């Protein structure tokens, strides 16, 4: 098959891992930078050009759409879908996972537990803060990755100044309970085609509360509990994502889904778990092309 990885970073570990996995299965692999894709509708059909060359020979794409390129990158994926090209990650899933509130709404619809979260109303935020009963509050921007745009405030009073600043800047955000018993750690599960293929536990560095490896966090291999595995698979299905990372908090009330990542980094998870996630993604594509 002819498979393209939609990535702006050909040298990145994740892109290279996927390239090697596809080539090992004798597929013709290439990297297309979405920024250089020109989209058009001609004669009633979706057509796509890459650097002015018509792209009409692809069987599948693997989106690696960065947060800074969500809108146009998602449009590129949707265009390939309109052309009948199979995408390992749906455009709908990318779009919905990038907006944290939309993601939580979808998870709630499917009765998937998440930390208590409030969409901040600039007209009612003082009343909303009172509902946290003086406990620490997480403030999250609606969009953000790698722990960016996430602030821990020790109390509703401490949160007020941050909220007023965000309000003045017209920034939209969420208020979320802080799960203290998680101790700055979470579980990252990679789901491919409805199966958890790799997992790790991430722990924040000293002085931080965010467990992201990009921020100096550490990781270790972990075997998921039955409940954690079920919630990861259910969350991926709810978000219509055939390939994604599901971040889970281990709370006293059971596992809680913290976030869904439609473009999970592969270096940390592959090195920590010893699992070849990229090989699983290629297998996912092969199975879906056979069934079409």
Protein backbone atom coordinates (compact mmCIF):
# COMPACT_ATOMS: atom_id res chain seq x y z
CA UNK A 1 0.00 0.00 0.00
CA UNK A 2 0.94 3.63 -0.41
CA UNK A 3 0.81 5.26 3.03
CA UNK A 4 1.57 8.88 3.89
CA UNK A 5 2.39 10.26 7.33
CA UNK A 6 1.00 13.77 7.68
CA UNK A 7 3.74 15.44 9.69
CA UNK A 8 5.62 18.73 9.79
CA UNK A 9 8.60 17.01 11.40
CA UNK A 10 10.06 14.23 9.27
CA UNK A 11 13.02 13.80 11.62
CA UNK A 12 10.88 13.38 14.75
CA UNK A 13 11.04 10.04 16.54
CA UNK A 14 7.33 9.28 16.07
CA UNK A 15 7.41 9.98 12.34
CA UNK A 16 10.53 7.88 11.83
CA UNK A 17 9.12 5.02 13.91
CA UNK A 18 5.99 4.90 11.76
CA UNK A 19 8.04 5.12 8.56
CA UNK A 20 10.24 2.19 9.58
CA UNK A 21 7.26 0.09 10.68
CA UNK A 22 5.51 0.60 7.35
CA UNK A 23 8.64 -0.10 5.30
CA UNK A 24 9.23 -3.29 7.32
CA UNK A 25 5.82 -4.46 6.06
CA UNK A 26 6.82 -3.62 2.46
CA UNK A 27 4.55 -0.59 2.15
CA UNK A 28 5.55 2.49 0.20
CA UNK A 29 5.88 5.20 2.85
CA UNK A 30 6.25 8.96 2.54
CA UNK A 31 5.93 12.08 4.70
CA UNK A 32 3.68 14.93 3.62
CA UNK A 33 3.81 18.26 5.43
CA UNK A 34 0.14 19.36 5.71
CA UNK A 35 1.25 22.99 5.37
CA UNK A 36 2.11 22.35 1.72
CA UNK A 37 -1.18 20.65 0.86
CA UNK A 38 -3.57 22.58 -1.38
CA UNK A 39 -7.21 21.52 -1.09
CA UNK A 40 -9.79 21.90 -3.83
CA UNK A 41 -13.15 20.67 -5.05
CA UNK A 42 -13.11 20.15 -8.80
CA UNK A 43 -15.92 18.72 -10.90
CA UNK A 44 -17.77 17.87 -7.71
CA UNK A 45 -14.88 15.85 -6.25
CA UNK A 46 -12.35 16.52 -3.51
CA UNK A 47 -8.83 16.76 -4.90
CA UNK A 48 -5.54 17.50 -3.17
CA UNK A 49 -2.23 18.82 -4.43
CA UNK A 50 1.09 18.61 -2.60
CA UNK A 51 3.47 21.31 -3.78
CA UNK A 52 1.33 21.63 -6.94
CA UNK A 53 1.48 17.89 -7.68
CA UNK A 54 -1.79 15.96 -7.70
CA UNK A 55 -2.00 13.33 -4.95
CA UNK A 56 -4.22 10.51 -6.18
CA UNK A 57 -2.37 7.28 -5.34
CA UNK A 58 -2.61 7.02 -1.55
CA UNK A 59 -4.41 4.19 0.21
CA UNK A 60 -4.06 5.50 3.77
CA UNK A 61 -2.74 8.39 5.86
CA UNK A 62 -1.46 8.58 9.44
CA UNK A 63 -2.15 12.08 10.80
CA UNK A 64 0.43 13.63 13.13
CA UNK A 65 -1.31 16.99 13.47
CA UNK A 66 0.30 19.36 15.97
CA UNK A 67 -1.74 21.59 18.26
CA UNK A 68 -0.52 24.73 16.46
CA UNK A 69 -1.90 23.41 13.18
CA UNK A 70 -5.18 21.87 14.35
CA UNK A 71 -7.62 23.77 12.13
CA UNK A 72 -5.88 23.39 8.77
CA UNK A 73 -4.39 19.99 9.62
CA UNK A 74 -7.84 18.64 10.44
CA UNK A 75 -9.12 20.03 7.15
CA UNK A 76 -6.39 18.15 5.30
CA UNK A 77 -7.37 14.89 7.02
CA UNK A 78 -11.07 15.51 6.27
CA UNK A 79 -10.17 16.12 2.63
CA UNK A 80 -8.36 12.79 2.38
CA UNK A 81 -11.40 11.12 3.93
CA UNK A 82 -13.59 12.78 1.30
CA UNK A 83 -11.26 11.33 -1.34
CA UNK A 84 -11.85 7.82 0.02
CA UNK A 85 -8.40 7.54 1.63
CA UNK A 86 -8.39 5.65 4.94
CA UNK A 87 -7.15 7.69 7.91
CA UNK A 88 -5.73 5.99 11.01
CA UNK A 89 -7.06 8.95 13.03
CA UNK A 90 -10.41 10.49 12.06
CA UNK A 91 -10.70 14.22 11.42
CA UNK A 92 -13.71 14.28 13.74
CA UNK A 93 -11.68 12.67 16.52
CA UNK A 94 -8.82 15.15 16.12
CA UNK A 95 -11.13 18.15 16.22
CA UNK A 96 -13.16 16.94 19.20
CA UNK A 97 -10.16 15.86 21.25
CA UNK A 98 -8.37 19.19 20.83
CA UNK A 99 -11.19 21.12 22.51
CA UNK A 100 -11.09 19.90 26.10
CA UNK A 101 -14.69 20.83 26.89
CA UNK A 102 -16.06 19.15 23.77
CA UNK A 103 -14.02 16.07 24.73
CA UNK A 104 -15.50 16.01 28.24
CA UNK A 105 -19.03 16.46 26.87
CA UNK A 106 -18.59 13.45 24.58
CA UNK A 107 -17.12 11.36 27.39
CA UNK A 108 -20.03 12.34 29.65
CA UNK A 109 -22.49 11.31 26.96
CA UNK A 110 -20.95 7.84 27.04
CA UNK A 111 -20.88 7.80 30.87
CA UNK A 112 -17.10 7.72 31.08
CA UNK A 113 -15.88 9.12 34.43
CA UNK A 114 -13.69 12.24 34.43
CA UNK A 115 -12.61 14.64 37.20
CA UNK A 116 -15.35 17.11 38.18
CA UNK A 117 -15.05 19.88 35.58
CA UNK A 118 -16.85 23.20 35.06
CA UNK A 119 -16.94 25.33 31.93
CA UNK A 120 -16.01 28.70 33.40
CA UNK A 121 -18.64 31.40 33.02
CA UNK A 122 -17.25 34.92 33.28
CA UNK A 123 -20.56 36.03 34.81
CA UNK A 124 -20.73 33.29 37.44
CA UNK A 125 -17.15 32.28 38.18
CA UNK A 126 -17.14 33.45 41.80
CA UNK A 127 -20.13 31.22 42.50
CA UNK A 128 -18.50 28.41 40.54
CA UNK A 129 -15.34 28.70 42.65
CA UNK A 130 -17.37 28.26 45.83
CA UNK A 131 -18.48 24.81 44.68
CA UNK A 132 -14.93 23.50 45.16
CA UNK A 133 -15.29 23.92 48.93
CA UNK A 134 -11.90 25.56 49.41
CA UNK A 135 -9.95 22.73 47.79
CA UNK A 136 -7.19 23.11 45.14
CA UNK A 137 -8.42 23.84 41.62
CA UNK A 138 -6.91 23.09 38.23
CA UNK A 139 -7.42 25.83 35.61
CA UNK A 140 -7.13 24.54 32.03
CA UNK A 141 -7.22 26.43 28.78
CA UNK A 142 -9.59 24.82 26.28
CA UNK A 143 -6.68 24.01 23.98
CA UNK A 144 -3.19 22.98 24.96
CA UNK A 145 -0.79 20.02 24.90
CA UNK A 146 2.27 18.81 26.83
CA UNK A 147 0.90 20.36 30.02
CA UNK A 148 0.80 23.87 28.59
CA UNK A 149 -2.09 26.08 29.71
CA UNK A 150 -2.63 24.07 32.92
CA UNK A 151 -2.40 25.88 36.27
CA UNK A 152 -2.76 24.51 39.80
CA UNK A 153 -4.21 26.94 42.34
CA UNK A 154 -4.20 26.05 46.03
CA UNK A 155 -7.65 27.48 46.76
CA UNK A 156 -10.56 29.34 45.14
CA UNK A 157 -9.08 32.57 46.50
CA UNK A 158 -5.77 31.90 44.76
CA UNK A 159 -7.63 31.03 41.58
CA UNK A 160 -9.42 34.36 41.44
CA UNK A 161 -6.48 36.47 40.25
CA UNK A 162 -5.66 34.00 37.47
CA UNK A 163 -9.28 33.84 36.40
CA UNK A 164 -9.57 37.62 36.28
CA UNK A 165 -6.45 37.80 34.11
CA UNK A 166 -7.78 35.16 31.70
CA UNK A 167 -11.14 36.90 31.68
CA UNK A 168 -9.54 40.25 30.75
CA UNK A 169 -7.69 38.53 27.89
CA UNK A 170 -10.87 36.87 26.62
CA UNK A 171 -9.40 33.39 27.10
CA UNK A 172 -11.76 30.44 27.55
CA UNK A 173 -10.92 27.89 30.23
CA UNK A 174 -12.17 25.13 32.50
CA UNK A 175 -12.16 24.68 36.26
CA UNK A 176 -11.35 21.16 37.40
CA UNK A 177 -10.95 19.38 40.71
CA UNK A 178 -7.42 18.42 41.70
CA UNK A 179 -7.08 14.68 42.34
CA UNK A 180 -4.63 14.84 45.22
CA UNK A 181 -4.30 11.08 45.72
CA UNK A 182 -2.88 10.71 42.19
CA UNK A 183 0.30 12.34 43.58
CA UNK A 184 1.23 14.06 40.32
CA UNK A 185 1.09 10.82 38.35
CA UNK A 186 -1.11 9.50 35.59
CA UNK A 187 -1.37 6.50 33.29
CA UNK A 188 -0.94 6.79 29.52
CA UNK A 189 -2.61 4.01 27.55
CA UNK A 190 -2.21 3.75 23.78
CA UNK A 191 -5.30 2.35 22.06
CA UNK A 192 -5.09 1.04 18.50
CA UNK A 193 -8.15 -0.44 16.80
CA UNK A 194 -9.98 -0.98 20.08
CA UNK A 195 -7.08 -2.65 21.90
CA UNK A 196 -4.63 -1.24 24.46
CA UNK A 197 -1.25 -2.00 22.85
CA UNK A 198 1.03 -0.22 25.34
CA UNK A 199 0.85 1.56 28.70
CA UNK A 200 3.07 3.45 31.10
CA UNK A 201 2.79 5.37 34.34
CA UNK A 202 4.13 8.93 34.30
CA UNK A 203 5.28 10.83 37.38
CA UNK A 204 5.86 14.58 37.59
CA UNK A 205 9.27 16.00 38.42
CA UNK A 206 9.89 17.49 41.86
CA UNK A 207 8.10 20.81 42.29
CA UNK A 208 5.59 20.26 39.47
CA UNK A 209 2.21 18.58 39.27
CA UNK A 210 2.17 17.81 35.54
CA UNK A 211 3.41 14.37 34.56
CA UNK A 212 4.25 15.14 30.93
CA UNK A 213 7.60 13.68 29.86
CA UNK A 214 8.24 16.86 27.86
CA UNK A 215 8.30 18.68 31.20
CA UNK A 216 10.83 16.44 32.84
CA UNK A 217 8.47 13.77 34.13
CA UNK A 218 9.59 10.17 34.48
CA UNK A 219 7.91 6.99 33.28
CA UNK A 220 7.74 3.31 34.13
CA UNK A 221 6.09 0.26 32.63
CA UNK A 222 2.71 -0.62 34.10
CA UNK A 223 0.09 -3.32 33.72
CA UNK A 224 -3.35 -1.76 33.56
CA UNK A 225 -6.12 -2.93 35.82
CA UNK A 226 -9.20 -4.34 34.14
CA UNK A 227 -11.09 -1.13 34.92
CA UNK A 228 -8.33 1.07 33.46
CA UNK A 229 -8.13 -0.99 30.29
CA UNK A 230 -11.90 -0.90 29.80
CA UNK A 231 -12.14 2.86 30.33
CA UNK A 232 -9.30 3.52 27.87
CA UNK A 233 -10.93 1.44 25.14
CA UNK A 234 -14.36 2.93 25.82
CA UNK A 235 -12.96 6.49 25.68
CA UNK A 236 -11.17 5.90 22.36
CA UNK A 237 -14.37 4.48 20.87
CA UNK A 238 -16.47 7.38 22.17
CA UNK A 239 -14.09 9.86 20.52
CA UNK A 240 -14.07 7.91 17.24
CA UNK A 241 -10.30 7.49 17.40
CA UNK A 242 -8.76 4.33 16.00
CA UNK A 243 -5.35 5.37 17.33
CA UNK A 244 -4.89 7.61 20.36
CA UNK A 245 -3.43 8.09 23.81
CA UNK A 246 -5.77 8.03 26.80
CA UNK A 247 -4.50 9.66 29.98
CA UNK A 248 -6.01 8.24 33.17
CA UNK A 249 -5.85 9.37 36.81
CA UNK A 250 -5.87 6.72 39.52
CA UNK A 251 -8.33 8.17 42.04
CA UNK A 252 -9.87 6.78 45.23
CA UNK A 253 -13.11 6.43 43.27
CA UNK A 254 -11.53 4.46 40.43
CA UNK A 255 -9.94 5.48 37.12
CA UNK A 256 -10.80 8.90 35.68
CA UNK A 257 -10.07 9.96 32.10
CA UNK A 258 -8.01 13.13 32.19
CA UNK A 259 -7.37 13.72 28.49
CA UNK A 260 -7.45 12.15 25.03
CA UNK A 261 -4.47 12.73 22.73
CA UNK A 262 -5.14 12.17 19.02
CA UNK A 263 -1.43 12.54 18.18
CA UNK A 264 0.37 10.79 21.03
CA UNK A 265 4.15 10.90 21.09
CA UNK A 266 5.67 7.45 20.58
CA UNK A 267 9.22 7.80 21.90
CA UNK A 268 8.36 7.69 25.60
CA UNK A 269 5.76 4.94 25.37
CA UNK A 270 7.79 2.67 23.05
CA UNK A 271 10.99 3.02 25.07
CA UNK A 272 9.23 2.57 28.41
CA UNK A 273 6.91 -0.29 27.49
CA UNK A 274 9.15 -2.04 24.99
CA UNK A 275 6.14 -2.29 22.67
CA UNK A 276 6.25 -1.37 18.97
CA UNK A 277 3.20 0.89 18.80
CA UNK A 278 3.98 1.89 15.21
CA UNK A 279 3.77 -1.73 14.09
CA UNK A 280 0.30 -1.92 15.65
CA UNK A 281 -0.77 1.20 13.73
CA UNK A 282 0.39 -0.30 10.43
CA UNK A 283 -1.49 -3.51 11.25
CA UNK A 284 -4.61 -1.45 11.96
CA UNK A 285 -4.36 0.13 8.51
CA UNK A 286 -3.83 -3.26 6.84
CA UNK A 287 -6.90 -4.77 8.49
CA UNK A 288 -9.13 -1.85 7.54
CA UNK A 289 -8.00 -1.81 3.91
CA UNK A 290 -8.75 -5.54 3.61
CA UNK A 291 -12.27 -5.03 4.97
CA UNK A 292 -13.11 -2.27 2.47
